[in-house]
Amino acid sequence: MSSFDERQKSFEKKFAHDEELQFKVNARRNKYLGQWASKLLGYNEEKEKEYIQAVIKADFTEAGDEDVFRKIYKDLKNHNIPEEEIRKKMNETMELAKKDFS
């Protein structure tokens, strides 16, 4: 195999690894967001688990984070949680999730 082919395969493996890692970080962030929101919603342990799964699944609606934001925002609408607080929590939980995988 030529060095070019080896380099190409190496880049492909790194790309696949990076994509898998980003997927795991996003899922962990969504778990943390779900835990935070479920506490604000007053859910019990069983309902919290279901809610966390719903938040994780919401991330598959479209690319990016807006699908998760909309779900959390809609669910917390009656609890007077401002949009800025949700976005701040999304950033905080993303940093926490990144630390989990570093």
PDB file of N, CA and C in Angstrom:
ATOM      1  N   MET A   1       0.845  -1.167   0.000  1.00  0.00           N
ATOM      2  CA  MET A   1       0.000   0.000   0.000  1.00  0.00           C
ATOM      3  C   MET A   1       0.900   1.244   0.000  1.00  0.00           C
ATOM      4  N   SER A   2       0.539   2.207  -0.785  1.00  0.00           N
ATOM      5  CA  SER A   2       1.362   3.416  -0.847  1.00  0.00           C
ATOM      6  C   SER A   2       1.159   4.271   0.398  1.00  0.00           C
ATOM      7  N   SER A   3       2.099   5.146   0.618  1.00  0.00           N
ATOM      8  CA  SER A   3       1.990   6.011   1.798  1.00  0.00           C
ATOM      9  C   SER A   3       0.775   6.927   1.694  1.00  0.00           C
ATOM     10  N   PHE A   4       0.396   7.294   0.470  1.00  0.00           N
ATOM     11  CA  PHE A   4      -0.806   8.116   0.287  1.00  0.00           C
ATOM     12  C   PHE A   4      -2.046   7.347   0.736  1.00  0.00           C
ATOM     13  N   ASP A   5      -2.163   6.084   0.344  1.00  0.00           N
ATOM     14  CA  ASP A   5      -3.305   5.259   0.746  1.00  0.00           C
ATOM     15  C   ASP A   5      -3.340   5.071   2.258  1.00  0.00           C
ATOM     16  N   GLU A   6      -2.180   4.865   2.848  1.00  0.00           N
ATOM     17  CA  GLU A   6      -2.107   4.705   4.297  1.00  0.00           C
ATOM     18  C   GLU A   6      -2.541   5.983   5.010  1.00  0.00           C
ATOM     19  N   ARG A   7      -2.088   7.104   4.497  1.00  0.00           N
ATOM     20  CA  ARG A   7      -2.465   8.393   5.083  1.00  0.00           C
ATOM     21  C   ARG A   7      -3.967   8.624   4.949  1.00  0.00           C
ATOM     22  N   GLN A   8      -4.507   8.285   3.783  1.00  0.00           N
ATOM     23  CA  GLN A   8      -5.943   8.453   3.568  1.00  0.00           C
ATOM     24  C   GLN A   8      -6.744   7.592   4.551  1.00  0.00           C
ATOM     25  N   LYS A   9      -6.348   6.354   4.720  1.00  0.00           N
ATOM     26  CA  LYS A   9      -7.030   5.465   5.666  1.00  0.00           C
ATOM     27  C   LYS A   9      -6.915   5.998   7.091  1.00  0.00           C
ATOM     28  N   SER A  10      -5.759   6.551   7.409  1.00  0.00           N
ATOM     29  CA  SER A  10      -5.554   7.119   8.736  1.00  0.00           C
ATOM     30  C   SER A  10      -6.501   8.298   8.967  1.00  0.00           C
ATOM     31  N   PHE A  11      -6.632   9.181   7.988  1.00  0.00           N
ATOM     32  CA  PHE A  11      -7.551  10.312   8.099  1.00  0.00           C
ATOM     33  C   PHE A  11      -8.994   9.835   8.220  1.00  0.00           C
ATOM     34  N   GLU A  12      -9.353   8.812   7.459  1.00  0.00           N
ATOM     35  CA  GLU A  12     -10.711   8.271   7.521  1.00  0.00           C
ATOM     36  C   GLU A  12     -11.008   7.696   8.901  1.00  0.00           C
ATOM     37  N   LYS A  13     -10.043   6.987   9.478  1.00  0.00           N
ATOM     38  CA  LYS A  13     -10.225   6.431  10.821  1.00  0.00           C
ATOM     39  C   LYS A  13     -10.363   7.536  11.857  1.00  0.00           C
ATOM     40  N   LYS A  14      -9.542   8.582  11.728  1.00  0.00           N
ATOM     41  CA  LYS A  14      -9.618   9.696  12.665  1.00  0.00           C
ATOM     42  C   LYS A  14     -10.963  10.404  12.542  1.00  0.00           C
ATOM     43  N   PHE A  15     -11.423  10.609  11.332  1.00  0.00           N
ATOM     44  CA  PHE A  15     -12.714  11.254  11.112  1.00  0.00           C
ATOM     45  C   PHE A  15     -13.831  10.425  11.747  1.00  0.00           C
ATOM     46  N   ALA A  16     -13.828   9.129  11.523  1.00  0.00           N
ATOM     47  CA  ALA A  16     -14.844   8.250  12.097  1.00  0.00           C
ATOM     48  C   ALA A  16     -14.788   8.286  13.622  1.00  0.00           C
ATOM     49  N   HIS A  17     -13.581   8.262  14.167  1.00  0.00           N
ATOM     50  CA  HIS A  17     -13.416   8.334  15.626  1.00  0.00           C
ATOM     51  C   HIS A  17     -13.955   9.654  16.167  1.00  0.00           C
ATOM     52  N   ASP A  18     -13.609  10.761  15.511  1.00  0.00           N
ATOM     53  CA  ASP A  18     -14.058  12.085  15.955  1.00  0.00           C
ATOM     54  C   ASP A  18     -15.584  12.202  15.895  1.00  0.00           C
ATOM     55  N   GLU A  19     -16.184  11.666  14.844  1.00  0.00           N
ATOM     56  CA  GLU A  19     -17.642  11.707  14.714  1.00  0.00           C
ATOM     57  C   GLU A  19     -18.316  10.879  15.810  1.00  0.00           C
ATOM     58  N   GLU A  20     -17.776   9.716  16.098  1.00  0.00           N
ATOM     59  CA  GLU A  20     -18.328   8.870  17.151  1.00  0.00           C
ATOM     60  C   GLU A  20     -18.204   9.549  18.517  1.00  0.00           C
ATOM     61  N   LEU A  21     -17.069  10.167  18.751  1.00  0.00           N
ATOM     62  CA  LEU A  21     -16.853  10.875  20.010  1.00  0.00           C
ATOM     63  C   LEU A  21     -17.827  12.040  20.145  1.00  0.00           C
ATOM     64  N   GLN A  22     -18.034  12.797  19.078  1.00  0.00           N
ATOM     65  CA  GLN A  22     -18.967  13.923  19.126  1.00  0.00           C
ATOM     66  C   GLN A  22     -20.388  13.439  19.388  1.00  0.00           C
ATOM     67  N   PHE A  23     -20.761  12.312  18.804  1.00  0.00           N
ATOM     68  CA  PHE A  23     -22.074  11.726  19.047  1.00  0.00           C
ATOM     69  C   PHE A  23     -22.240  11.390  20.528  1.00  0.00           C
ATOM     70  N   LYS A  24     -21.220  10.779  21.106  1.00  0.00           N
ATOM     71  CA  LYS A  24     -21.270  10.407  22.525  1.00  0.00           C
ATOM     72  C   LYS A  24     -21.329  11.637  23.425  1.00  0.00           C
ATOM     73  N   VAL A  25     -20.561  12.667  23.091  1.00  0.00           N
ATOM     74  CA  VAL A  25     -20.569  13.901  23.878  1.00  0.00           C
ATOM     75  C   VAL A  25     -21.955  14.550  23.813  1.00  0.00           C
ATOM     76  N   ASN A  26     -22.533  14.621  22.622  1.00  0.00           N
ATOM     77  CA  ASN A  26     -23.870  15.208  22.485  1.00  0.00           C
ATOM     78  C   ASN A  26     -24.912  14.420  23.269  1.00  0.00           C
ATOM     79  N   ALA A  27     -24.844  13.114  23.211  1.00  0.00           N
ATOM     80  CA  ALA A  27     -25.794  12.285  23.958  1.00  0.00           C
ATOM     81  C   ALA A  27     -25.634  12.500  25.457  1.00  0.00           C
ATOM     82  N   ARG A  28     -24.405  12.623  25.931  1.00  0.00           N
ATOM     83  CA  ARG A  28     -24.159  12.861  27.349  1.00  0.00           C
ATOM     84  C   ARG A  28     -24.674  14.239  27.748  1.00  0.00           C
ATOM     85  N   ARG A  29     -24.435  15.232  26.900  1.00  0.00           N
ATOM     86  CA  ARG A  29     -24.949  16.575  27.165  1.00  0.00           C
ATOM     87  C   ARG A  29     -26.471  16.542  27.284  1.00  0.00           C
ATOM     88  N   ASN A  30     -27.105  15.815  26.384  1.00  0.00           N
ATOM     89  CA  ASN A  30     -28.562  15.720  26.402  1.00  0.00           C
ATOM     90  C   ASN A  30     -29.054  14.997  27.651  1.00  0.00           C
ATOM     91  N   LYS A  31     -28.298  14.025  28.116  1.00  0.00           N
ATOM     92  CA  LYS A  31     -28.641  13.337  29.360  1.00  0.00           C
ATOM     93  C   LYS A  31     -28.609  14.327  30.522  1.00  0.00           C
ATOM     94  N   TYR A  32     -27.537  15.100  30.598  1.00  0.00           N
ATOM     95  CA  TYR A  32     -27.421  16.090  31.668  1.00  0.00           C
ATOM     96  C   TYR A  32     -28.532  17.140  31.586  1.00  0.00           C
ATOM     97  N   LEU A  33     -28.862  17.563  30.373  1.00  0.00           N
ATOM     98  CA  LEU A  33     -29.962  18.520  30.196  1.00  0.00           C
ATOM     99  C   LEU A  33     -31.280  17.922  30.656  1.00  0.00           C
ATOM    100  N   GLY A  34     -31.504  16.672  30.291  1.00  0.00           N
ATOM    101  CA  GLY A  34     -32.730  15.988  30.699  1.00  0.00           C
ATOM    102  C   GLY A  34     -32.824  15.863  32.209  1.00  0.00           C
ATOM    103  N   GLN A  35     -31.706  15.569  32.864  1.00  0.00           N
ATOM    104  CA  GLN A  35     -31.705  15.488  34.328  1.00  0.00           C
ATOM    105  C   GLN A  35     -32.046  16.834  34.946  1.00  0.00           C
ATOM    106  N   TRP A  36     -31.433  17.884  34.434  1.00  0.00           N
ATOM    107  CA  TRP A  36     -31.681  19.236  34.939  1.00  0.00           C
ATOM    108  C   TRP A  36     -33.148  19.629  34.765  1.00  0.00           C
ATOM    109  N   ALA A  37     -33.655  19.449  33.551  1.00  0.00           N
ATOM    110  CA  ALA A  37     -35.037  19.847  33.268  1.00  0.00           C
ATOM    111  C   ALA A  37     -36.026  18.989  34.051  1.00  0.00           C
ATOM    112  N   SER A  38     -35.759  17.708  34.194  1.00  0.00           N
ATOM    113  CA  SER A  38     -36.696  16.837  34.910  1.00  0.00           C
ATOM    114  C   SER A  38     -36.794  17.228  36.384  1.00  0.00           C
ATOM    115  N   LYS A  39     -35.707  17.704  36.949  1.00  0.00           N
ATOM    116  CA  LYS A  39     -35.759  18.183  38.337  1.00  0.00           C
ATOM    117  C   LYS A  39     -36.639  19.427  38.436  1.00  0.00           C
ATOM    118  N   LEU A  40     -36.503  20.331  37.466  1.00  0.00           N
ATOM    119  CA  LEU A  40     -37.344  21.522  37.449  1.00  0.00           C
ATOM    120  C   LEU A  40     -38.822  21.161  37.252  1.00  0.00           C
ATOM    121  N   LEU A  41     -39.047  20.094  36.507  1.00  0.00           N
ATOM    122  CA  LEU A  41     -40.419  19.638  36.250  1.00  0.00           C
ATOM    123  C   LEU A  41     -40.978  18.807  37.401  1.00  0.00           C
ATOM    124  N   GLY A  42     -40.125  18.450  38.348  1.00  0.00           N
ATOM    125  CA  GLY A  42     -40.569  17.700  39.514  1.00  0.00           C
ATOM    126  C   GLY A  42     -40.835  16.228  39.246  1.00  0.00           C
ATOM    127  N   TYR A  43     -40.134  15.657  38.274  1.00  0.00           N
ATOM    128  CA  TYR A  43     -40.358  14.257  37.923  1.00  0.00           C
ATOM    129  C   TYR A  43     -39.732  13.322  38.946  1.00  0.00           C
ATOM    130  N   ASN A  44     -40.389  12.172  39.130  1.00  0.00           N
ATOM    131  CA  ASN A  44     -39.803  11.125  39.962  1.00  0.00           C
ATOM    132  C   ASN A  44     -38.737  10.393  39.145  1.00  0.00           C
ATOM    133  N   GLU A  45     -38.068   9.435  39.763  1.00  0.00           N
ATOM    134  CA  GLU A  45     -36.944   8.752  39.124  1.00  0.00           C
ATOM    135  C   GLU A  45     -37.342   8.060  37.821  1.00  0.00           C
ATOM    136  N   GLU A  46     -38.476   7.388  37.812  1.00  0.00           N
ATOM    137  CA  GLU A  46     -38.925   6.680  36.608  1.00  0.00           C
ATOM    138  C   GLU A  46     -39.264   7.663  35.484  1.00  0.00           C
ATOM    139  N   LYS A  47     -39.981   8.697  35.818  1.00  0.00           N
ATOM    140  CA  LYS A  47     -40.363   9.710  34.830  1.00  0.00           C
ATOM    141  C   LYS A  47     -39.116  10.441  34.321  1.00  0.00           C
ATOM    142  N   GLU A  48     -38.132  10.640  35.212  1.00  0.00           N
ATOM    143  CA  GLU A  48     -36.877  11.283  34.818  1.00  0.00           C
ATOM    144  C   GLU A  48     -36.164  10.454  33.755  1.00  0.00           C
ATOM    145  N   LYS A  49     -36.097   9.155  33.941  1.00  0.00           N
ATOM    146  CA  LYS A  49     -35.441   8.278  32.959  1.00  0.00           C
ATOM    147  C   LYS A  49     -36.127   8.381  31.599  1.00  0.00           C
ATOM    148  N   GLU A  50     -37.453   8.371  31.606  1.00  0.00           N
ATOM    149  CA  GLU A  50     -38.210   8.493  30.349  1.00  0.00           C
ATOM    150  C   GLU A  50     -37.946   9.845  29.694  1.00  0.00           C
ATOM    151  N   TYR A  51     -37.920  10.881  30.517  1.00  0.00           N
ATOM    152  CA  TYR A  51     -37.706  12.221  29.984  1.00  0.00           C
ATOM    153  C   TYR A  51     -36.308  12.366  29.382  1.00  0.00           C
ATOM    154  N   ILE A  52     -35.304  11.821  30.054  1.00  0.00           N
ATOM    155  CA  ILE A  52     -33.939  11.880  29.525  1.00  0.00           C
ATOM    156  C   ILE A  52     -33.886  11.209  28.151  1.00  0.00           C
ATOM    157  N   GLN A  53     -34.523  10.066  28.015  1.00  0.00           N
ATOM    158  CA  GLN A  53     -34.554   9.385  26.715  1.00  0.00           C
ATOM    159  C   GLN A  53     -35.254  10.234  25.656  1.00  0.00           C
ATOM    160  N   ALA A  54     -36.314  10.925  26.057  1.00  0.00           N
ATOM    161  CA  ALA A  54     -37.030  11.792  25.117  1.00  0.00           C
ATOM    162  C   ALA A  54     -36.149  12.951  24.656  1.00  0.00           C
ATOM    163  N   VAL A  55     -35.356  13.502  25.563  1.00  0.00           N
ATOM    164  CA  VAL A  55     -34.445  14.597  25.199  1.00  0.00           C
ATOM    165  C   VAL A  55     -33.364  14.077  24.254  1.00  0.00           C
ATOM    166  N   ILE A  56     -32.815  12.920  24.546  1.00  0.00           N
ATOM    167  CA  ILE A  56     -31.790  12.333  23.674  1.00  0.00           C
ATOM    168  C   ILE A  56     -32.368  12.075  22.285  1.00  0.00           C
ATOM    169  N   LYS A  57     -33.579  11.532  22.222  1.00  0.00           N
ATOM    170  CA  LYS A  57     -34.224  11.257  20.930  1.00  0.00           C
ATOM    171  C   LYS A  57     -34.559  12.536  20.177  1.00  0.00           C
ATOM    172  N   ALA A  58     -34.858  13.609  20.904  1.00  0.00           N
ATOM    173  CA  ALA A  58     -35.177  14.883  20.247  1.00  0.00           C
ATOM    174  C   ALA A  58     -34.014  15.386  19.407  1.00  0.00           C
ATOM    175  N   ASP A  59     -32.799  15.007  19.775  1.00  0.00           N
ATOM    176  CA  ASP A  59     -31.614  15.458  19.051  1.00  0.00           C
ATOM    177  C   ASP A  59     -31.520  14.845  17.663  1.00  0.00           C
ATOM    178  N   PHE A  60     -32.298  13.827  17.378  1.00  0.00           N
ATOM    179  CA  PHE A  60     -32.263  13.182  16.068  1.00  0.00           C
ATOM    180  C   PHE A  60     -33.240  13.816  15.081  1.00  0.00           C
ATOM    181  N   THR A  61     -33.975  14.832  15.511  1.00  0.00           N
ATOM    182  CA  THR A  61     -34.976  15.466  14.652  1.00  0.00           C
ATOM    183  C   THR A  61     -34.326  16.220  13.505  1.00  0.00           C
ATOM    184  N   GLU A  62     -33.273  16.965  13.805  1.00  0.00           N
ATOM    185  CA  GLU A  62     -32.574  17.735  12.778  1.00  0.00           C
ATOM    186  C   GLU A  62     -31.131  17.944  13.218  1.00  0.00           C
ATOM    187  N   ALA A  63     -30.319  18.388  12.290  1.00  0.00           N
ATOM    188  CA  ALA A  63     -28.916  18.663  12.614  1.00  0.00           C
ATOM    189  C   ALA A  63     -28.832  19.877  13.530  1.00  0.00           C
ATOM    190  N   GLY A  64     -27.840  19.861  14.393  1.00  0.00           N
ATOM    191  CA  GLY A  64     -27.647  20.989  15.294  1.00  0.00           C
ATOM    192  C   GLY A  64     -28.358  20.791  16.618  1.00  0.00           C
ATOM    193  N   ASP A  65     -28.353  21.850  17.419  1.00  0.00           N
ATOM    194  CA  ASP A  65     -28.878  21.776  18.780  1.00  0.00           C
ATOM    195  C   ASP A  65     -30.265  22.373  18.954  1.00  0.00           C
ATOM    196  N   GLU A  66     -30.793  23.004  17.925  1.00  0.00           N
ATOM    197  CA  GLU A  66     -32.078  23.697  18.069  1.00  0.00           C
ATOM    198  C   GLU A  66     -33.235  22.761  18.375  1.00  0.00           C
ATOM    199  N   ASP A  67     -33.189  21.532  17.897  1.00  0.00           N
ATOM    200  CA  ASP A  67     -34.265  20.587  18.186  1.00  0.00           C
ATOM    201  C   ASP A  67     -34.314  20.273  19.683  1.00  0.00           C
ATOM    202  N   VAL A  68     -33.156  20.122  20.298  1.00  0.00           N
ATOM    203  CA  VAL A  68     -33.093  19.861  21.738  1.00  0.00           C
ATOM    204  C   VAL A  68     -33.534  21.109  22.500  1.00  0.00           C
ATOM    205  N   PHE A  69     -33.054  22.264  22.071  1.00  0.00           N
ATOM    206  CA  PHE A  69     -33.452  23.509  22.725  1.00  0.00           C
ATOM    207  C   PHE A  69     -34.965  23.675  22.696  1.00  0.00           C
ATOM    208  N   ARG A  70     -35.575  23.467  21.530  1.00  0.00           N
ATOM    209  CA  ARG A  70     -37.034  23.636  21.417  1.00  0.00           C
ATOM    210  C   ARG A  70     -37.790  22.698  22.346  1.00  0.00           C
ATOM    211  N   LYS A  71     -37.331  21.463  22.461  1.00  0.00           N
ATOM    212  CA  LYS A  71     -38.002  20.516  23.347  1.00  0.00           C
ATOM    213  C   LYS A  71     -37.924  20.996  24.791  1.00  0.00           C
ATOM    214  N   ILE A  72     -36.727  21.325  25.254  1.00  0.00           N
ATOM    215  CA  ILE A  72     -36.557  21.767  26.639  1.00  0.00           C
ATOM    216  C   ILE A  72     -37.354  23.054  26.880  1.00  0.00           C
ATOM    217  N   TYR A  73     -37.265  23.994  25.956  1.00  0.00           N
ATOM    218  CA  TYR A  73     -37.964  25.274  26.098  1.00  0.00           C
ATOM    219  C   TYR A  73     -39.468  25.063  26.192  1.00  0.00           C
ATOM    220  N   LYS A  74     -39.994  24.226  25.312  1.00  0.00           N
ATOM    221  CA  LYS A  74     -41.437  23.940  25.315  1.00  0.00           C
ATOM    222  C   LYS A  74     -41.851  23.277  26.631  1.00  0.00           C
ATOM    223  N   ASP A  75     -41.053  22.334  27.092  1.00  0.00           N
ATOM    224  CA  ASP A  75     -41.393  21.606  28.312  1.00  0.00           C
ATOM    225  C   ASP A  75     -41.304  22.487  29.559  1.00  0.00           C
ATOM    226  N   LEU A  76     -40.413  23.478  29.528  1.00  0.00           N
ATOM    227  CA  LEU A  76     -40.244  24.350  30.699  1.00  0.00           C
ATOM    228  C   LEU A  76     -41.009  25.671  30.578  1.00  0.00           C
ATOM    229  N   LYS A  77     -41.768  25.809  29.513  1.00  0.00           N
ATOM    230  CA  LYS A  77     -42.461  27.067  29.245  1.00  0.00           C
ATOM    231  C   LYS A  77     -43.320  27.523  30.426  1.00  0.00           C
ATOM    232  N   ASN A  78     -44.020  26.612  31.062  1.00  0.00           N
ATOM    233  CA  ASN A  78     -44.907  26.959  32.171  1.00  0.00           C
ATOM    234  C   ASN A  78     -44.158  27.150  33.489  1.00  0.00           C
ATOM    235  N   HIS A  79     -42.852  26.975  33.471  1.00  0.00           N
ATOM    236  CA  HIS A  79     -42.044  27.129  34.686  1.00  0.00           C
ATOM    237  C   HIS A  79     -41.236  28.431  34.667  1.00  0.00           C
ATOM    238  N   ASN A  80     -41.531  29.294  33.706  1.00  0.00           N
ATOM    239  CA  ASN A  80     -40.894  30.608  33.596  1.00  0.00           C
ATOM    240  C   ASN A  80     -39.370  30.541  33.558  1.00  0.00           C
ATOM    241  N   ILE A  81     -38.841  29.572  32.825  1.00  0.00           N
ATOM    242  CA  ILE A  81     -37.396  29.463  32.639  1.00  0.00           C
ATOM    243  C   ILE A  81     -37.057  30.214  31.342  1.00  0.00           C
ATOM    244  N   PRO A  82     -36.280  31.275  31.442  1.00  0.00           N
ATOM    245  CA  PRO A  82     -35.980  32.055  30.236  1.00  0.00           C
ATOM    246  C   PRO A  82     -35.108  31.291  29.246  1.00  0.00           C
ATOM    247  N   GLU A  83     -35.244  31.672  27.995  1.00  0.00           N
ATOM    248  CA  GLU A  83     -34.479  31.073  26.909  1.00  0.00           C
ATOM    249  C   GLU A  83     -32.980  31.142  27.192  1.00  0.00           C
ATOM    250  N   GLU A  84     -32.524  32.266  27.712  1.00  0.00           N
ATOM    251  CA  GLU A  84     -31.096  32.449  27.986  1.00  0.00           C
ATOM    252  C   GLU A  84     -30.589  31.441  29.016  1.00  0.00           C
ATOM    253  N   GLU A  85     -31.410  31.131  30.000  1.00  0.00           N
ATOM    254  CA  GLU A  85     -30.992  30.173  31.025  1.00  0.00           C
ATOM    255  C   GLU A  85     -30.849  28.768  30.432  1.00  0.00           C
ATOM    256  N   ILE A  86     -31.751  28.419  29.535  1.00  0.00           N
ATOM    257  CA  ILE A  86     -31.675  27.105  28.883  1.00  0.00           C
ATOM    258  C   ILE A  86     -30.421  27.027  28.019  1.00  0.00           C
ATOM    259  N   ARG A  87     -30.165  28.067  27.254  1.00  0.00           N
ATOM    260  CA  ARG A  87     -28.966  28.070  26.393  1.00  0.00           C
ATOM    261  C   ARG A  87     -27.690  28.030  27.245  1.00  0.00           C
ATOM    262  N   LYS A  88     -27.695  28.747  28.352  1.00  0.00           N
ATOM    263  CA  LYS A  88     -26.542  28.716  29.253  1.00  0.00           C
ATOM    264  C   LYS A  88     -26.340  27.303  29.800  1.00  0.00           C
ATOM    265  N   LYS A  89     -27.425  26.652  30.202  1.00  0.00           N
ATOM    266  CA  LYS A  89     -27.340  25.289  30.728  1.00  0.00           C
ATOM    267  C   LYS A  89     -26.871  24.330  29.638  1.00  0.00           C
ATOM    268  N   MET A  90     -27.292  24.560  28.393  1.00  0.00           N
ATOM    269  CA  MET A  90     -26.823  23.721  27.289  1.00  0.00           C
ATOM    270  C   MET A  90     -25.305  23.842  27.142  1.00  0.00           C
ATOM    271  N   ASN A  91     -24.788  25.052  27.250  1.00  0.00           N
ATOM    272  CA  ASN A  91     -23.337  25.256  27.155  1.00  0.00           C
ATOM    273  C   ASN A  91     -22.609  24.613  28.330  1.00  0.00           C
ATOM    274  N   GLU A  92     -23.151  24.785  29.527  1.00  0.00           N
ATOM    275  CA  GLU A  92     -22.527  24.196  30.717  1.00  0.00           C
ATOM    276  C   GLU A  92     -22.483  22.671  30.631  1.00  0.00           C
ATOM    277  N   THR A  93     -23.601  22.083  30.229  1.00  0.00           N
ATOM    278  CA  THR A  93     -23.652  20.616  30.156  1.00  0.00           C
ATOM    279  C   THR A  93     -22.797  20.086  29.017  1.00  0.00           C
ATOM    280  N   MET A  94     -22.611  20.880  27.953  1.00  0.00           N
ATOM    281  CA  MET A  94     -21.717  20.463  26.868  1.00  0.00           C
ATOM    282  C   MET A  94     -20.283  20.414  27.385  1.00  0.00           C
ATOM    283  N   GLU A  95     -19.884  21.400  28.143  1.00  0.00           N
ATOM    284  CA  GLU A  95     -18.538  21.410  28.699  1.00  0.00           C
ATOM    285  C   GLU A  95     -18.335  20.246  29.661  1.00  0.00           C
ATOM    286  N   LEU A  96     -19.336  19.973  30.474  1.00  0.00           N
ATOM    287  CA  LEU A  96     -19.275  18.844  31.401  1.00  0.00           C
ATOM    288  C   LEU A  96     -19.154  17.524  30.642  1.00  0.00           C
ATOM    289  N   ALA A  97     -19.938  17.379  29.584  1.00  0.00           N
ATOM    290  CA  ALA A  97     -19.896  16.155  28.773  1.00  0.00           C
ATOM    291  C   ALA A  97     -18.536  15.992  28.100  1.00  0.00           C
ATOM    292  N   LYS A  98     -17.966  17.080  27.614  1.00  0.00           N
ATOM    293  CA  LYS A  98     -16.640  17.010  26.982  1.00  0.00           C
ATOM    294  C   LYS A  98     -15.594  16.530  27.994  1.00  0.00           C
ATOM    295  N   LYS A  99     -15.695  17.024  29.215  1.00  0.00           N
ATOM    296  CA  LYS A  99     -14.742  16.607  30.248  1.00  0.00           C
ATOM    297  C   LYS A  99     -14.885  15.123  30.548  1.00  0.00           C
ATOM    298  N   ASP A 100     -16.104  14.603  30.455  1.00  0.00           N
ATOM    299  CA  ASP A 100     -16.327  13.175  30.697  1.00  0.00           C
ATOM    300  C   ASP A 100     -15.556  12.297  29.716  1.00  0.00           C
ATOM    301  N   PHE A 101     -15.312  12.811  28.519  1.00  0.00           N
ATOM    302  CA  PHE A 101     -14.669  12.009  27.473  1.00  0.00           C
ATOM    303  C   PHE A 101     -13.226  12.435  27.203  1.00  0.00           C
ATOM    304  N   SER A 102     -12.686  13.310  28.033  1.00  0.00           N
ATOM    305  CA  SER A 102     -11.291  13.727  27.778  1.00  0.00           C
ATOM    306  C   SER A 102     -10.332  13.022  28.716  1.00  0.00           C
TER     307      SER A 102
END
